[in-house]
Amino acid sequence: MRTLTVWVLAGSVILLAQHVQDEDKKKRNPAIGNIAAIAAGEKAFNEGCAVCHGQGGMGGRGPNLANGRVMWHTLTDEATYNRIKDGVPSGGMPPTPGSDEKLWQLAAYVVALRAPASESPQTGDATLGQTLFWGKAGCNECHSILGKGGKIGPDLSDAGGSRSTSVIRMAIEDPGSNGSKGFEKAHIVLKNRNNFSLQVLDARGELHLLLMTAVKEMAVSPNSVMPANYKARLSGAEINALVAYLAQQTARKL
């Protein structure tokens, strides 16, 4: 009798484990990691959600979905799906109409917005992106990777590990849109060059330390130092390639 009880219990545990696995499968987003599905989700997002959340989820009337600080970024796949489907009435977010497939695609895109670019599928040619970064696009004139390149802009050795795909793309297509603190243009007129304190990088990447009492005039531009014409200079495929190359740059492989 005791042996029979053990076998029944073991069978119950096995059935329970199978049930949990089946439930987990139902909760998983079938569009996660699917490039075509994420692209479809992006298209749907830009046609509807972007009115409040901004292009690329960078924020507007609604919260920024790409900066990792929004509470529902930690939701499960199923909860993300339900949040999109049902909306947030108390927060002014209406329900989203559409098929299950469309809603899963939207959820996959929202997940991709906050995931590190190095962990997200890319559509661009990373090899072409490398050639563009160190050549035609001239990114290396201001940015460095693993100690090679310019010093005016941020080091991009961990671009893919610390930034999402949407943040990288936005930085290329619309620099300064998400803030350029510390990398603004500045015009400074000195009284003399004898005292130091203010830290300034010149166009060659050389650091100057100036005491504020030596500064006669200083005008800081709200714009980023980064050129704002990449969308005109580069094709869509070339921008995708740059994003794919930068997505590969992560400290995890250093």
C-alpha atoms as a PDB file:
ATOM      1  CA  MET A   1       0.000   0.000   0.000  1.00  0.00           C
ATOM      2  CA  ARG A   2       2.811   2.366   0.887  1.00  0.00           C
ATOM      3  CA  THR A   3       4.527   1.658  -2.427  1.00  0.00           C
ATOM      4  CA  LEU A   4       1.293   2.359  -4.341  1.00  0.00           C
ATOM      5  CA  THR A   5       0.935   5.697  -2.546  1.00  0.00           C
ATOM      6  CA  VAL A   6       4.452   6.707  -3.537  1.00  0.00           C
ATOM      7  CA  TRP A   7       3.816   5.868  -7.168  1.00  0.00           C
ATOM      8  CA  VAL A   8       0.556   7.820  -7.222  1.00  0.00           C
ATOM      9  CA  LEU A   9       2.304  10.813  -5.643  1.00  0.00           C
ATOM     10  CA  ALA A  10       5.172  10.583  -8.126  1.00  0.00           C
ATOM     11  CA  GLY A  11       2.694  10.395 -10.974  1.00  0.00           C
ATOM     12  CA  SER A  12       0.893  13.461  -9.617  1.00  0.00           C
ATOM     13  CA  VAL A  13       4.164  15.384  -9.447  1.00  0.00           C
ATOM     14  CA  ILE A  14       4.992  14.438 -13.020  1.00  0.00           C
ATOM     15  CA  LEU A  15       1.541  15.510 -14.217  1.00  0.00           C
ATOM     16  CA  LEU A  16       1.816  18.787 -12.269  1.00  0.00           C
ATOM     17  CA  ALA A  17       5.254  19.506 -13.771  1.00  0.00           C
ATOM     18  CA  GLN A  18       3.894  18.837 -17.263  1.00  0.00           C
ATOM     19  CA  HIS A  19       0.963  21.167 -16.575  1.00  0.00           C
ATOM     20  CA  VAL A  20       3.331  23.950 -15.449  1.00  0.00           C
ATOM     21  CA  GLN A  21       5.452  23.463 -18.576  1.00  0.00           C
ATOM     22  CA  ASP A  22       2.366  23.631 -20.770  1.00  0.00           C
ATOM     23  CA  GLU A  23       1.225  26.810 -19.013  1.00  0.00           C
ATOM     24  CA  ASP A  24       4.689  28.369 -19.448  1.00  0.00           C
ATOM     25  CA  LYS A  25       4.563  27.609 -23.162  1.00  0.00           C
ATOM     26  CA  LYS A  26       1.237  29.425 -23.418  1.00  0.00           C
ATOM     27  CA  LYS A  27       2.708  32.480 -21.705  1.00  0.00           C
ATOM     28  CA  ARG A  28       5.728  32.760 -23.956  1.00  0.00           C
ATOM     29  CA  ASN A  29       5.605  35.242 -26.799  1.00  0.00           C
ATOM     30  CA  PRO A  30       5.979  33.335 -30.092  1.00  0.00           C
ATOM     31  CA  ALA A  31       7.251  36.522 -31.769  1.00  0.00           C
ATOM     32  CA  ILE A  32      10.250  37.058 -29.454  1.00  0.00           C
ATOM     33  CA  GLY A  33      13.498  36.919 -31.435  1.00  0.00           C
ATOM     34  CA  ASN A  34      11.669  36.757 -34.781  1.00  0.00           C
ATOM     35  CA  ILE A  35      13.037  39.557 -36.944  1.00  0.00           C
ATOM     36  CA  ALA A  36      10.012  39.663 -39.276  1.00  0.00           C
ATOM     37  CA  ALA A  37       7.562  39.645 -36.352  1.00  0.00           C
ATOM     38  CA  ILE A  38       9.448  42.397 -34.504  1.00  0.00           C
ATOM     39  CA  ALA A  39       9.519  44.481 -37.703  1.00  0.00           C
ATOM     40  CA  ALA A  40       5.752  44.024 -38.034  1.00  0.00           C
ATOM     41  CA  GLY A  41       5.385  45.038 -34.378  1.00  0.00           C
ATOM     42  CA  GLU A  42       7.484  48.157 -35.001  1.00  0.00           C
ATOM     43  CA  LYS A  43       5.281  49.112 -37.955  1.00  0.00           C
ATOM     44  CA  ALA A  44       2.136  48.683 -35.855  1.00  0.00           C
ATOM     45  CA  PHE A  45       3.737  50.617 -32.987  1.00  0.00           C
ATOM     46  CA  ASN A  46       4.682  53.561 -35.197  1.00  0.00           C
ATOM     47  CA  GLU A  47       1.198  53.627 -36.736  1.00  0.00           C
ATOM     48  CA  GLY A  48      -0.542  53.796 -33.364  1.00  0.00           C
ATOM     49  CA  CYS A  49       1.416  53.691 -30.116  1.00  0.00           C
ATOM     50  CA  ALA A  50       4.020  56.245 -31.237  1.00  0.00           C
ATOM     51  CA  VAL A  51       1.381  58.995 -31.030  1.00  0.00           C
ATOM     52  CA  CYS A  52       1.866  58.883 -27.255  1.00  0.00           C
ATOM     53  CA  HIS A  53       5.112  56.963 -26.731  1.00  0.00           C
ATOM     54  CA  GLY A  54       7.124  58.607 -29.529  1.00  0.00           C
ATOM     55  CA  GLN A  55       8.976  57.065 -32.464  1.00  0.00           C
ATOM     56  CA  GLY A  56      11.161  54.232 -31.251  1.00  0.00           C
ATOM     57  CA  GLY A  57       9.351  54.343 -27.897  1.00  0.00           C
ATOM     58  CA  MET A  58      11.487  57.295 -26.806  1.00  0.00           C
ATOM     59  CA  GLY A  59       8.635  58.992 -24.986  1.00  0.00           C
ATOM     60  CA  GLY A  60       6.101  61.778 -25.486  1.00  0.00           C
ATOM     61  CA  ARG A  61       2.749  62.130 -23.779  1.00  0.00           C
ATOM     62  CA  GLY A  62       3.300  58.522 -22.738  1.00  0.00           C
ATOM     63  CA  PRO A  63       6.398  57.219 -20.948  1.00  0.00           C
ATOM     64  CA  ASN A  64       9.702  56.339 -22.600  1.00  0.00           C
ATOM     65  CA  LEU A  65       9.615  52.578 -23.210  1.00  0.00           C
ATOM     66  CA  ALA A  66      13.271  52.222 -24.156  1.00  0.00           C
ATOM     67  CA  ASN A  67      15.042  53.588 -21.092  1.00  0.00           C
ATOM     68  CA  GLY A  68      14.437  50.607 -18.808  1.00  0.00           C
ATOM     69  CA  ARG A  69      12.830  52.669 -16.030  1.00  0.00           C
ATOM     70  CA  VAL A  70       9.155  51.984 -16.812  1.00  0.00           C
ATOM     71  CA  MET A  71       7.677  49.560 -14.284  1.00  0.00           C
ATOM     72  CA  TRP A  72       5.939  47.301 -16.790  1.00  0.00           C
ATOM     73  CA  HIS A  73       9.250  46.599 -18.521  1.00  0.00           C
ATOM     74  CA  THR A  74       9.636  43.826 -15.944  1.00  0.00           C
ATOM     75  CA  LEU A  75       6.356  42.135 -16.849  1.00  0.00           C
ATOM     76  CA  THR A  76       6.179  38.603 -18.214  1.00  0.00           C
ATOM     77  CA  ASP A  77       5.408  38.015 -21.879  1.00  0.00           C
ATOM     78  CA  GLU A  78       1.770  37.320 -21.081  1.00  0.00           C
ATOM     79  CA  ALA A  79       1.435  40.359 -18.807  1.00  0.00           C
ATOM     80  CA  THR A  80       3.000  42.599 -21.477  1.00  0.00           C
ATOM     81  CA  TYR A  81       0.532  41.212 -24.014  1.00  0.00           C
ATOM     82  CA  ASN A  82      -2.392  41.862 -21.650  1.00  0.00           C
ATOM     83  CA  ARG A  83      -1.189  45.371 -20.853  1.00  0.00           C
ATOM     84  CA  ILE A  84      -1.132  46.205 -24.566  1.00  0.00           C
ATOM     85  CA  LYS A  85      -4.460  44.491 -25.235  1.00  0.00           C
ATOM     86  CA  ASP A  86      -6.363  45.913 -22.244  1.00  0.00           C
ATOM     87  CA  GLY A  87      -4.568  49.246 -21.933  1.00  0.00           C
ATOM     88  CA  VAL A  88      -4.174  51.202 -18.699  1.00  0.00           C
ATOM     89  CA  PRO A  89      -7.463  53.082 -18.198  1.00  0.00           C
ATOM     90  CA  SER A  90      -6.218  54.808 -15.047  1.00  0.00           C
ATOM     91  CA  GLY A  91      -3.158  56.059 -16.942  1.00  0.00           C
ATOM     92  CA  GLY A  92      -4.980  57.166 -20.073  1.00  0.00           C
ATOM     93  CA  MET A  93      -3.774  54.254 -22.240  1.00  0.00           C
ATOM     94  CA  PRO A  94      -6.654  52.808 -24.292  1.00  0.00           C
ATOM     95  CA  PRO A  95      -7.016  49.124 -25.245  1.00  0.00           C
ATOM     96  CA  THR A  96      -5.229  48.118 -28.438  1.00  0.00           C
ATOM     97  CA  PRO A  97      -7.424  46.483 -31.089  1.00  0.00           C
ATOM     98  CA  GLY A  98      -6.144  43.741 -33.365  1.00  0.00           C
ATOM     99  CA  SER A  99      -5.536  40.052 -33.735  1.00  0.00           C
ATOM    100  CA  ASP A 100      -3.568  37.945 -31.268  1.00  0.00           C
ATOM    101  CA  GLU A 101      -0.728  37.820 -33.809  1.00  0.00           C
ATOM    102  CA  LYS A 102      -0.568  41.620 -34.028  1.00  0.00           C
ATOM    103  CA  LEU A 103      -0.617  42.021 -30.243  1.00  0.00           C
ATOM    104  CA  TRP A 104       2.158  39.441 -29.765  1.00  0.00           C
ATOM    105  CA  GLN A 105       4.200  41.267 -32.422  1.00  0.00           C
ATOM    106  CA  LEU A 106       3.676  44.564 -30.609  1.00  0.00           C
ATOM    107  CA  ALA A 107       4.707  42.929 -27.334  1.00  0.00           C
ATOM    108  CA  ALA A 108       7.835  41.501 -28.980  1.00  0.00           C
ATOM    109  CA  TYR A 109       8.763  44.956 -30.291  1.00  0.00           C
ATOM    110  CA  VAL A 110       8.289  46.543 -26.851  1.00  0.00           C
ATOM    111  CA  VAL A 111      10.535  43.856 -25.342  1.00  0.00           C
ATOM    112  CA  ALA A 112      13.129  44.521 -28.064  1.00  0.00           C
ATOM    113  CA  LEU A 113      13.037  48.239 -27.232  1.00  0.00           C
ATOM    114  CA  ARG A 114      14.529  47.636 -23.805  1.00  0.00           C
ATOM    115  CA  ALA A 115      16.728  44.609 -24.498  1.00  0.00           C
ATOM    116  CA  PRO A 116      20.463  45.201 -25.055  1.00  0.00           C
ATOM    117  CA  ALA A 117      21.165  45.422 -28.776  1.00  0.00           C
ATOM    118  CA  SER A 118      23.703  42.603 -28.434  1.00  0.00           C
ATOM    119  CA  GLU A 119      20.860  40.280 -27.402  1.00  0.00           C
ATOM    120  CA  SER A 120      18.411  41.415 -30.075  1.00  0.00           C
ATOM    121  CA  PRO A 121      18.135  40.188 -33.685  1.00  0.00           C
ATOM    122  CA  GLN A 122      19.528  42.633 -36.246  1.00  0.00           C
ATOM    123  CA  THR A 123      18.581  43.053 -39.894  1.00  0.00           C
ATOM    124  CA  GLY A 124      21.704  44.928 -41.001  1.00  0.00           C
ATOM    125  CA  ASP A 125      25.023  43.690 -42.381  1.00  0.00           C
ATOM    126  CA  ALA A 126      27.465  44.115 -39.502  1.00  0.00           C
ATOM    127  CA  THR A 127      30.479  43.703 -41.813  1.00  0.00           C
ATOM    128  CA  LEU A 128      29.260  46.607 -43.943  1.00  0.00           C
ATOM    129  CA  GLY A 129      28.579  48.544 -40.752  1.00  0.00           C
ATOM    130  CA  GLN A 130      32.175  48.084 -39.641  1.00  0.00           C
ATOM    131  CA  THR A 131      33.407  49.439 -42.973  1.00  0.00           C
ATOM    132  CA  LEU A 132      31.053  52.429 -42.678  1.00  0.00           C
ATOM    133  CA  PHE A 133      32.020  53.164 -39.066  1.00  0.00           C
ATOM    134  CA  TRP A 134      35.729  53.337 -39.875  1.00  0.00           C
ATOM    135  CA  GLY A 135      35.233  54.851 -43.325  1.00  0.00           C
ATOM    136  CA  LYS A 136      32.399  56.627 -45.152  1.00  0.00           C
ATOM    137  CA  ALA A 137      30.306  57.464 -42.064  1.00  0.00           C
ATOM    138  CA  GLY A 138      33.353  58.803 -40.201  1.00  0.00           C
ATOM    139  CA  CYS A 139      32.074  57.681 -36.788  1.00  0.00           C
ATOM    140  CA  ASN A 140      35.638  56.890 -35.700  1.00  0.00           C
ATOM    141  CA  GLU A 141      36.595  60.560 -35.943  1.00  0.00           C
ATOM    142  CA  CYS A 142      34.713  61.180 -32.689  1.00  0.00           C
ATOM    143  CA  HIS A 143      34.033  57.733 -31.204  1.00  0.00           C
ATOM    144  CA  SER A 144      36.426  54.993 -30.135  1.00  0.00           C
ATOM    145  CA  ILE A 145      36.095  51.221 -29.851  1.00  0.00           C
ATOM    146  CA  LEU A 146      38.629  49.337 -27.750  1.00  0.00           C
ATOM    147  CA  GLY A 147      40.943  52.338 -27.611  1.00  0.00           C
ATOM    148  CA  LYS A 148      40.950  53.009 -31.346  1.00  0.00           C
ATOM    149  CA  GLY A 149      39.273  56.140 -32.722  1.00  0.00           C
ATOM    150  CA  GLY A 150      38.402  59.658 -31.587  1.00  0.00           C
ATOM    151  CA  LYS A 151      37.797  60.936 -28.067  1.00  0.00           C
ATOM    152  CA  ILE A 152      35.207  63.687 -28.566  1.00  0.00           C
ATOM    153  CA  GLY A 153      32.170  61.403 -28.397  1.00  0.00           C
ATOM    154  CA  PRO A 154      31.301  58.525 -26.027  1.00  0.00           C
ATOM    155  CA  ASP A 155      33.360  55.334 -26.116  1.00  0.00           C
ATOM    156  CA  LEU A 156      31.297  52.695 -27.963  1.00  0.00           C
ATOM    157  CA  SER A 157      33.188  49.584 -26.877  1.00  0.00           C
ATOM    158  CA  ASP A 158      30.068  48.446 -24.990  1.00  0.00           C
ATOM    159  CA  ALA A 159      27.446  50.087 -27.213  1.00  0.00           C
ATOM    160  CA  GLY A 160      25.590  46.830 -27.827  1.00  0.00           C
ATOM    161  CA  GLY A 161      25.748  45.709 -24.211  1.00  0.00           C
ATOM    162  CA  SER A 162      24.606  48.980 -22.637  1.00  0.00           C
ATOM    163  CA  ARG A 163      22.176  50.360 -25.230  1.00  0.00           C
ATOM    164  CA  SER A 164      19.079  48.988 -26.920  1.00  0.00           C
ATOM    165  CA  THR A 165      18.763  48.821 -30.701  1.00  0.00           C
ATOM    166  CA  SER A 166      16.290  51.713 -30.691  1.00  0.00           C
ATOM    167  CA  VAL A 167      18.637  53.932 -28.643  1.00  0.00           C
ATOM    168  CA  ILE A 168      21.544  53.239 -31.017  1.00  0.00           C
ATOM    169  CA  ARG A 169      19.366  53.936 -34.053  1.00  0.00           C
ATOM    170  CA  MET A 170      17.970  57.131 -32.540  1.00  0.00           C
ATOM    171  CA  ALA A 171      21.489  58.365 -31.758  1.00  0.00           C
ATOM    172  CA  ILE A 172      22.416  57.945 -35.428  1.00  0.00           C
ATOM    173  CA  GLU A 173      19.239  59.274 -37.007  1.00  0.00           C
ATOM    174  CA  ASP A 174      18.380  62.014 -34.512  1.00  0.00           C
ATOM    175  CA  PRO A 175      21.389  62.820 -32.293  1.00  0.00           C
ATOM    176  CA  GLY A 176      20.572  64.830 -29.216  1.00  0.00           C
ATOM    177  CA  SER A 177      16.909  63.749 -29.199  1.00  0.00           C
ATOM    178  CA  ASN A 178      17.470  61.798 -25.991  1.00  0.00           C
ATOM    179  CA  GLY A 179      19.781  64.354 -24.445  1.00  0.00           C
ATOM    180  CA  SER A 180      23.440  65.117 -25.148  1.00  0.00           C
ATOM    181  CA  LYS A 181      24.576  66.136 -21.665  1.00  0.00           C
ATOM    182  CA  GLY A 182      28.348  66.437 -21.587  1.00  0.00           C
ATOM    183  CA  PHE A 183      28.689  66.381 -25.368  1.00  0.00           C
ATOM    184  CA  GLU A 184      27.305  69.799 -26.330  1.00  0.00           C
ATOM    185  CA  LYS A 185      29.139  72.264 -28.547  1.00  0.00           C
ATOM    186  CA  ALA A 186      30.689  75.170 -26.680  1.00  0.00           C
ATOM    187  CA  HIS A 187      32.261  78.461 -27.768  1.00  0.00           C
ATOM    188  CA  ILE A 188      34.630  79.891 -25.153  1.00  0.00           C
ATOM    189  CA  VAL A 189      36.467  83.199 -25.084  1.00  0.00           C
ATOM    190  CA  LEU A 190      39.367  83.347 -22.612  1.00  0.00           C
ATOM    191  CA  LYS A 191      40.738  86.244 -20.652  1.00  0.00           C
ATOM    192  CA  ASN A 192      44.077  84.493 -20.441  1.00  0.00           C
ATOM    193  CA  ARG A 193      45.500  80.967 -20.505  1.00  0.00           C
ATOM    194  CA  ASN A 194      47.290  80.870 -17.167  1.00  0.00           C
ATOM    195  CA  ASN A 195      44.733  79.216 -14.843  1.00  0.00           C
ATOM    196  CA  PHE A 196      42.848  75.915 -15.208  1.00  0.00           C
ATOM    197  CA  SER A 197      39.670  74.197 -13.951  1.00  0.00           C
ATOM    198  CA  LEU A 198      36.937  73.933 -16.623  1.00  0.00           C
ATOM    199  CA  GLN A 199      37.345  70.701 -18.618  1.00  0.00           C
ATOM    200  CA  VAL A 200      36.898  71.121 -22.371  1.00  0.00           C
ATOM    201  CA  LEU A 201      37.678  68.853 -25.327  1.00  0.00           C
ATOM    202  CA  ASP A 202      38.657  70.593 -28.545  1.00  0.00           C
ATOM    203  CA  ALA A 203      37.913  69.358 -32.071  1.00  0.00           C
ATOM    204  CA  ARG A 204      41.106  67.245 -32.031  1.00  0.00           C
ATOM    205  CA  GLY A 205      40.068  65.496 -28.839  1.00  0.00           C
ATOM    206  CA  GLU A 206      42.653  67.269 -26.692  1.00  0.00           C
ATOM    207  CA  LEU A 207      41.625  68.037 -23.097  1.00  0.00           C
ATOM    208  CA  HIS A 208      41.974  71.588 -21.709  1.00  0.00           C
ATOM    209  CA  LEU A 209      41.544  72.464 -18.032  1.00  0.00           C
ATOM    210  CA  LEU A 210      40.459  76.073 -17.497  1.00  0.00           C
ATOM    211  CA  LEU A 211      39.676  78.042 -14.346  1.00  0.00           C
ATOM    212  CA  MET A 212      36.300  79.752 -14.667  1.00  0.00           C
ATOM    213  CA  THR A 213      37.843  83.054 -13.586  1.00  0.00           C
ATOM    214  CA  ALA A 214      39.858  82.887 -16.803  1.00  0.00           C
ATOM    215  CA  VAL A 215      36.743  82.534 -18.951  1.00  0.00           C
ATOM    216  CA  LYS A 216      35.369  85.766 -20.376  1.00  0.00           C
ATOM    217  CA  GLU A 217      32.481  84.294 -22.371  1.00  0.00           C
ATOM    218  CA  MET A 218      30.991  80.821 -22.781  1.00  0.00           C
ATOM    219  CA  ALA A 219      28.099  79.790 -25.018  1.00  0.00           C
ATOM    220  CA  VAL A 220      26.921  76.175 -24.820  1.00  0.00           C
ATOM    221  CA  SER A 221      24.780  74.869 -27.669  1.00  0.00           C
ATOM    222  CA  PRO A 222      21.801  72.623 -26.835  1.00  0.00           C
ATOM    223  CA  ASN A 223      22.673  70.486 -29.862  1.00  0.00           C
ATOM    224  CA  SER A 224      24.820  67.380 -29.909  1.00  0.00           C
ATOM    225  CA  VAL A 225      28.280  67.543 -31.453  1.00  0.00           C
ATOM    226  CA  MET A 226      27.288  64.553 -33.587  1.00  0.00           C
ATOM    227  CA  PRO A 227      26.256  65.379 -37.193  1.00  0.00           C
ATOM    228  CA  ALA A 228      22.491  65.434 -37.674  1.00  0.00           C
ATOM    229  CA  ASN A 229      22.450  64.515 -41.364  1.00  0.00           C
ATOM    230  CA  TYR A 230      23.114  60.775 -41.321  1.00  0.00           C
ATOM    231  CA  LYS A 231      19.610  60.031 -42.617  1.00  0.00           C
ATOM    232  CA  ALA A 232      20.501  62.075 -45.697  1.00  0.00           C
ATOM    233  CA  ARG A 233      24.085  60.825 -46.036  1.00  0.00           C
ATOM    234  CA  LEU A 234      23.346  57.142 -45.532  1.00  0.00           C
ATOM    235  CA  SER A 235      20.743  54.807 -46.978  1.00  0.00           C
ATOM    236  CA  GLY A 236      18.360  52.829 -44.796  1.00  0.00           C
ATOM    237  CA  ALA A 237      20.425  49.694 -45.404  1.00  0.00           C
ATOM    238  CA  GLU A 238      23.609  51.497 -44.375  1.00  0.00           C
ATOM    239  CA  ILE A 239      22.017  52.751 -41.135  1.00  0.00           C
ATOM    240  CA  ASN A 240      20.817  49.204 -40.413  1.00  0.00           C
ATOM    241  CA  ALA A 241      24.377  48.007 -41.019  1.00  0.00           C
ATOM    242  CA  LEU A 242      25.837  50.569 -38.597  1.00  0.00           C
ATOM    243  CA  VAL A 243      23.306  49.584 -35.946  1.00  0.00           C
ATOM    244  CA  ALA A 244      24.152  45.892 -36.441  1.00  0.00           C
ATOM    245  CA  TYR A 245      27.889  46.578 -36.104  1.00  0.00           C
ATOM    246  CA  LEU A 246      27.457  48.643 -32.942  1.00  0.00           C
ATOM    247  CA  ALA A 247      25.120  45.974 -31.536  1.00  0.00           C
ATOM    248  CA  GLN A 248      28.070  43.564 -31.655  1.00  0.00           C
ATOM    249  CA  GLN A 249      30.164  45.816 -29.413  1.00  0.00           C
ATOM    250  CA  THR A 250      29.770  44.489 -25.881  1.00  0.00           C
ATOM    251  CA  ALA A 251      31.982  44.251 -22.819  1.00  0.00           C
ATOM    252  CA  ARG A 252      30.860  40.644 -22.371  1.00  0.00           C
ATOM    253  CA  LYS A 253      33.205  39.508 -25.103  1.00  0.00           C
ATOM    254  CA  LEU A 254      36.180  41.599 -23.959  1.00  0.00           C
END
